[in-house]
Amino acid sequence: MDLLAIFLLTFIVMFFWRRRKDAERAQHLIKQKCKTLELQLLEVNFKQEKPQKMAGHWRWCRYYQFEFSSTGDSRYQGQLIMAGSQYKFELPVYRVGDDLYEG
C-alpha cells in the first residue's frame, strides 16, 4: 500500500511539473513570436487540452490563447497549439500602421 501511495504521489507531482514546464515554454514561444513580428504582447492564458491530429498523428494538444497589439490601439487574439515538441501559431489578420498583415 505504501508503494502505491508513493507511486501515485510521484505521478501527481510529475504531472503538475510537466504542465508548469509546458506553460513556461508556451510563454517563451509566444514572446519570441511577438518580438519577431514586432507586436506588443498583452496577455497569455491557457485555454484547453484535447486530442488533435497534428503532423499526421493523433496527439494530446494544449491550447494557449494570447492577446497582442500591433498599433497600440488595437487588440487581437492569437493561439498557440502545442503537442510535445511540435507547435503551431494561429494569428488573425492584423493592422500594421496603415497596412494589413496576415501572420
N, C-alpha and C. Protein backbone atom coordinates (compact mmCIF):
# COMPACT_ATOMS: atom_id res chain seq x y z
N MET A 1 0.82 -1.20 0.00
CA MET A 1 0.00 0.00 0.00
C MET A 1 0.86 1.26 0.00
N ASP A 2 1.95 1.25 0.78
CA ASP A 2 2.84 2.41 0.82
C ASP A 2 3.48 2.67 -0.53
N LEU A 3 3.84 1.61 -1.24
CA LEU A 3 4.46 1.73 -2.55
C LEU A 3 3.49 2.35 -3.55
N LEU A 4 2.22 1.97 -3.49
CA LEU A 4 1.20 2.53 -4.36
C LEU A 4 1.01 4.02 -4.07
N ALA A 5 1.00 4.40 -2.81
CA ALA A 5 0.84 5.81 -2.43
C ALA A 5 2.03 6.64 -2.93
N ILE A 6 3.23 6.09 -2.80
CA ILE A 6 4.42 6.79 -3.28
C ILE A 6 4.37 6.94 -4.79
N PHE A 7 3.97 5.88 -5.48
CA PHE A 7 3.85 5.94 -6.94
C PHE A 7 2.82 6.99 -7.35
N LEU A 8 1.67 6.99 -6.71
CA LEU A 8 0.62 7.95 -7.04
C LEU A 8 1.07 9.38 -6.77
N LEU A 9 1.70 9.62 -5.65
CA LEU A 9 2.20 10.95 -5.33
C LEU A 9 3.26 11.40 -6.34
N THR A 10 4.15 10.50 -6.72
CA THR A 10 5.18 10.81 -7.71
C THR A 10 4.55 11.16 -9.05
N PHE A 11 3.54 10.41 -9.45
CA PHE A 11 2.84 10.67 -10.71
C PHE A 11 2.18 12.04 -10.69
N ILE A 12 1.52 12.39 -9.60
CA ILE A 12 0.84 13.69 -9.50
C ILE A 12 1.86 14.83 -9.56
N VAL A 13 2.96 14.70 -8.84
CA VAL A 13 3.99 15.74 -8.86
C VAL A 13 4.58 15.90 -10.26
N MET A 14 4.86 14.79 -10.92
CA MET A 14 5.42 14.85 -12.27
C MET A 14 4.43 15.46 -13.26
N PHE A 15 3.15 15.16 -13.09
CA PHE A 15 2.11 15.72 -13.95
C PHE A 15 2.07 17.24 -13.83
N PHE A 16 2.03 17.74 -12.61
CA PHE A 16 1.99 19.19 -12.41
C PHE A 16 3.30 19.85 -12.83
N TRP A 17 4.43 19.21 -12.62
CA TRP A 17 5.72 19.76 -13.04
C TRP A 17 5.76 19.87 -14.56
N ARG A 18 5.26 18.86 -15.27
CA ARG A 18 5.25 18.88 -16.73
C ARG A 18 4.33 19.98 -17.25
N ARG A 19 3.18 20.16 -16.65
CA ARG A 19 2.26 21.23 -17.06
C ARG A 19 2.90 22.59 -16.87
N ARG A 20 3.62 22.76 -15.77
CA ARG A 20 4.29 24.05 -15.50
C ARG A 20 5.38 24.31 -16.54
N LYS A 21 6.15 23.29 -16.87
CA LYS A 21 7.20 23.43 -17.89
C LYS A 21 6.60 23.76 -19.25
N ASP A 22 5.49 23.13 -19.60
CA ASP A 22 4.81 23.43 -20.87
C ASP A 22 4.32 24.87 -20.89
N ALA A 23 3.79 25.35 -19.78
CA ALA A 23 3.31 26.72 -19.70
C ALA A 23 4.46 27.72 -19.86
N GLU A 24 5.60 27.42 -19.25
CA GLU A 24 6.78 28.29 -19.39
C GLU A 24 7.27 28.30 -20.84
N ARG A 25 7.28 27.15 -21.46
CA ARG A 25 7.72 27.07 -22.86
C ARG A 25 6.76 27.82 -23.77
N ALA A 26 5.46 27.69 -23.53
CA ALA A 26 4.46 28.41 -24.32
C ALA A 26 4.66 29.92 -24.18
N GLN A 27 4.87 30.38 -22.97
CA GLN A 27 5.10 31.81 -22.72
C GLN A 27 6.33 32.29 -23.51
N HIS A 28 7.40 31.50 -23.48
CA HIS A 28 8.62 31.86 -24.19
C HIS A 28 8.38 31.90 -25.71
N LEU A 29 7.71 30.89 -26.26
CA LEU A 29 7.45 30.85 -27.69
C LEU A 29 6.58 32.02 -28.14
N ILE A 30 5.57 32.35 -27.34
CA ILE A 30 4.68 33.46 -27.69
C ILE A 30 5.43 34.79 -27.64
N LYS A 31 6.25 35.00 -26.61
CA LYS A 31 7.04 36.23 -26.52
C LYS A 31 7.98 36.34 -27.71
N GLN A 32 8.62 35.23 -28.07
CA GLN A 32 9.55 35.22 -29.20
C GLN A 32 8.83 35.54 -30.51
N LYS A 33 7.64 34.97 -30.72
CA LYS A 33 6.87 35.23 -31.94
C LYS A 33 6.46 36.70 -32.01
N CYS A 34 5.99 37.26 -30.91
CA CYS A 34 5.58 38.67 -30.88
C CYS A 34 6.78 39.58 -31.13
N LYS A 35 7.92 39.24 -30.57
CA LYS A 35 9.12 40.05 -30.79
C LYS A 35 9.54 40.00 -32.26
N THR A 36 9.51 38.82 -32.85
CA THR A 36 9.87 38.66 -34.26
C THR A 36 8.95 39.47 -35.17
N LEU A 37 7.65 39.49 -34.86
CA LEU A 37 6.68 40.20 -35.69
C LEU A 37 6.49 41.66 -35.25
N GLU A 38 7.27 42.08 -34.25
CA GLU A 38 7.20 43.45 -33.71
C GLU A 38 5.79 43.77 -33.20
N LEU A 39 5.27 42.87 -32.38
CA LEU A 39 3.96 43.04 -31.77
C LEU A 39 4.12 43.20 -30.27
N GLN A 40 3.17 43.88 -29.67
CA GLN A 40 3.18 44.06 -28.23
C GLN A 40 2.31 42.96 -27.60
N LEU A 41 2.93 42.11 -26.79
CA LEU A 41 2.20 41.04 -26.11
C LEU A 41 1.44 41.63 -24.93
N LEU A 42 0.14 41.34 -24.86
CA LEU A 42 -0.70 41.90 -23.80
C LEU A 42 -1.04 40.87 -22.72
N GLU A 43 -1.36 39.64 -23.13
CA GLU A 43 -1.82 38.66 -22.16
C GLU A 43 -1.70 37.26 -22.74
N VAL A 44 -1.41 36.28 -21.87
CA VAL A 44 -1.34 34.87 -22.27
C VAL A 44 -2.18 34.06 -21.29
N ASN A 45 -3.02 33.17 -21.82
CA ASN A 45 -3.87 32.31 -20.98
C ASN A 45 -3.90 30.91 -21.53
N PHE A 46 -3.94 29.94 -20.62
CA PHE A 46 -4.18 28.55 -21.02
C PHE A 46 -5.64 28.45 -21.40
N LYS A 47 -5.92 27.79 -22.52
CA LYS A 47 -7.30 27.69 -22.98
C LYS A 47 -7.89 26.30 -22.73
N GLN A 48 -7.26 25.26 -23.29
CA GLN A 48 -7.82 23.91 -23.14
C GLN A 48 -6.80 22.85 -23.55
N GLU A 49 -7.16 21.61 -23.27
CA GLU A 49 -6.40 20.44 -23.72
C GLU A 49 -7.37 19.52 -24.43
N LYS A 50 -6.94 18.96 -25.54
CA LYS A 50 -7.77 17.98 -26.23
C LYS A 50 -6.93 17.25 -27.27
N PRO A 51 -7.37 16.06 -27.69
CA PRO A 51 -6.64 15.36 -28.74
C PRO A 51 -6.90 16.02 -30.09
N GLN A 52 -5.87 16.05 -30.92
CA GLN A 52 -5.98 16.65 -32.25
C GLN A 52 -4.96 15.98 -33.16
N LYS A 53 -5.30 15.87 -34.42
CA LYS A 53 -4.37 15.31 -35.39
C LYS A 53 -3.37 16.40 -35.76
N MET A 54 -2.09 16.12 -35.53
CA MET A 54 -1.03 17.08 -35.80
C MET A 54 0.12 16.33 -36.46
N ALA A 55 0.54 16.79 -37.62
CA ALA A 55 1.62 16.16 -38.39
C ALA A 55 1.27 14.69 -38.70
N GLY A 56 0.02 14.43 -38.99
CA GLY A 56 -0.41 13.10 -39.39
C GLY A 56 -0.67 12.11 -38.28
N HIS A 57 -0.51 12.52 -37.02
CA HIS A 57 -0.72 11.62 -35.89
C HIS A 57 -1.62 12.28 -34.86
N TRP A 58 -2.41 11.47 -34.17
CA TRP A 58 -3.23 11.99 -33.09
C TRP A 58 -2.33 12.25 -31.89
N ARG A 59 -2.45 13.46 -31.34
CA ARG A 59 -1.64 13.84 -30.18
C ARG A 59 -2.51 14.60 -29.18
N TRP A 60 -2.06 14.61 -27.95
CA TRP A 60 -2.72 15.40 -26.91
C TRP A 60 -2.18 16.82 -27.01
N CYS A 61 -3.03 17.77 -27.34
CA CYS A 61 -2.60 19.15 -27.60
C CYS A 61 -3.05 20.08 -26.48
N ARG A 62 -2.21 21.05 -26.22
CA ARG A 62 -2.51 22.12 -25.25
C ARG A 62 -2.66 23.42 -26.04
N TYR A 63 -3.71 24.15 -25.74
CA TYR A 63 -4.02 25.39 -26.45
C TYR A 63 -3.79 26.57 -25.52
N TYR A 64 -3.06 27.55 -26.01
CA TYR A 64 -2.82 28.78 -25.27
C TYR A 64 -3.34 29.94 -26.12
N GLN A 65 -4.14 30.78 -25.52
CA GLN A 65 -4.67 31.95 -26.20
C GLN A 65 -3.90 33.16 -25.72
N PHE A 66 -3.54 34.04 -26.64
CA PHE A 66 -2.83 35.25 -26.24
C PHE A 66 -3.38 36.45 -26.98
N GLU A 67 -3.26 37.59 -26.34
CA GLU A 67 -3.71 38.84 -26.93
C GLU A 67 -2.50 39.70 -27.21
N PHE A 68 -2.54 40.39 -28.34
CA PHE A 68 -1.43 41.25 -28.73
C PHE A 68 -1.97 42.50 -29.42
N SER A 69 -1.11 43.48 -29.55
CA SER A 69 -1.46 44.72 -30.23
C SER A 69 -0.38 45.01 -31.26
N SER A 70 -0.81 45.49 -32.40
CA SER A 70 0.15 45.83 -33.44
C SER A 70 0.35 47.34 -33.55
N THR A 71 -0.63 48.11 -33.12
CA THR A 71 -0.55 49.57 -33.24
C THR A 71 -0.61 50.27 -31.89
N GLY A 72 -0.89 49.54 -30.84
CA GLY A 72 -1.04 50.15 -29.52
C GLY A 72 -2.49 50.47 -29.20
N ASP A 73 -3.33 50.61 -30.22
CA ASP A 73 -4.75 50.91 -30.02
C ASP A 73 -5.63 49.69 -30.22
N SER A 74 -5.13 48.71 -30.91
CA SER A 74 -5.94 47.54 -31.27
C SER A 74 -5.59 46.36 -30.37
N ARG A 75 -6.50 45.38 -30.33
CA ARG A 75 -6.30 44.15 -29.57
C ARG A 75 -6.71 42.98 -30.45
N TYR A 76 -5.83 42.02 -30.58
CA TYR A 76 -6.10 40.83 -31.38
C TYR A 76 -5.83 39.59 -30.56
N GLN A 77 -6.48 38.47 -30.92
CA GLN A 77 -6.27 37.21 -30.23
C GLN A 77 -5.61 36.21 -31.16
N GLY A 78 -4.53 35.62 -30.69
CA GLY A 78 -3.85 34.56 -31.40
C GLY A 78 -3.91 33.29 -30.57
N GLN A 79 -3.44 32.21 -31.17
CA GLN A 79 -3.48 30.94 -30.46
C GLN A 79 -2.20 30.15 -30.75
N LEU A 80 -1.69 29.51 -29.73
CA LEU A 80 -0.56 28.60 -29.85
C LEU A 80 -1.07 27.21 -29.51
N ILE A 81 -0.80 26.25 -30.39
CA ILE A 81 -1.18 24.87 -30.16
C ILE A 81 0.12 24.08 -30.00
N MET A 82 0.26 23.40 -28.85
CA MET A 82 1.47 22.64 -28.57
C MET A 82 1.13 21.16 -28.37
N ALA A 83 2.00 20.31 -28.96
CA ALA A 83 1.89 18.87 -28.77
C ALA A 83 3.31 18.34 -28.65
N GLY A 84 3.77 18.15 -27.42
CA GLY A 84 5.15 17.73 -27.21
C GLY A 84 6.11 18.81 -27.70
N SER A 85 7.01 18.45 -28.60
CA SER A 85 7.97 19.43 -29.12
C SER A 85 7.44 20.16 -30.34
N GLN A 86 6.29 19.75 -30.86
CA GLN A 86 5.70 20.41 -32.02
C GLN A 86 4.74 21.50 -31.57
N TYR A 87 4.69 22.55 -32.38
CA TYR A 87 3.76 23.63 -32.08
C TYR A 87 3.42 24.39 -33.35
N LYS A 88 2.32 25.10 -33.30
CA LYS A 88 1.95 25.97 -34.41
C LYS A 88 1.17 27.17 -33.87
N PHE A 89 1.32 28.28 -34.57
CA PHE A 89 0.63 29.50 -34.21
C PHE A 89 -0.53 29.73 -35.17
N GLU A 90 -1.60 30.28 -34.65
CA GLU A 90 -2.72 30.74 -35.46
C GLU A 90 -2.94 32.20 -35.11
N LEU A 91 -2.66 33.06 -36.07
CA LEU A 91 -2.80 34.51 -35.87
C LEU A 91 -3.83 35.07 -36.83
N PRO A 92 -4.65 36.01 -36.38
CA PRO A 92 -5.60 36.65 -37.28
C PRO A 92 -4.90 37.70 -38.14
N VAL A 93 -5.59 38.19 -39.13
CA VAL A 93 -5.08 39.32 -39.89
C VAL A 93 -5.11 40.53 -38.96
N TYR A 94 -4.01 41.26 -38.90
CA TYR A 94 -3.95 42.41 -38.00
C TYR A 94 -3.34 43.61 -38.71
N ARG A 95 -3.63 44.78 -38.18
CA ARG A 95 -3.20 46.04 -38.78
C ARG A 95 -1.79 46.40 -38.33
N VAL A 96 -0.96 46.79 -39.30
CA VAL A 96 0.38 47.30 -39.03
C VAL A 96 0.43 48.69 -39.64
N GLY A 97 0.39 49.71 -38.78
CA GLY A 97 0.33 51.07 -39.30
C GLY A 97 -0.93 51.24 -40.11
N ASP A 98 -0.79 51.50 -41.41
CA ASP A 98 -1.93 51.66 -42.30
C ASP A 98 -2.16 50.42 -43.17
N ASP A 99 -1.36 49.39 -42.98
CA ASP A 99 -1.46 48.17 -43.79
C ASP A 99 -2.05 47.03 -42.98
N LEU A 100 -2.51 46.01 -43.68
CA LEU A 100 -2.95 44.78 -43.05
C LEU A 100 -1.88 43.73 -43.26
N TYR A 101 -1.65 42.89 -42.26
CA TYR A 101 -0.65 41.83 -42.37
C TYR A 101 -1.25 40.54 -41.86
N GLU A 102 -1.05 39.47 -42.59
CA GLU A 102 -1.53 38.16 -42.15
C GLU A 102 -0.36 37.39 -41.61
N GLY A 103 -0.40 37.05 -40.29
CA GLY A 103 0.72 36.42 -39.59
C GLY A 103 0.75 34.95 -39.74
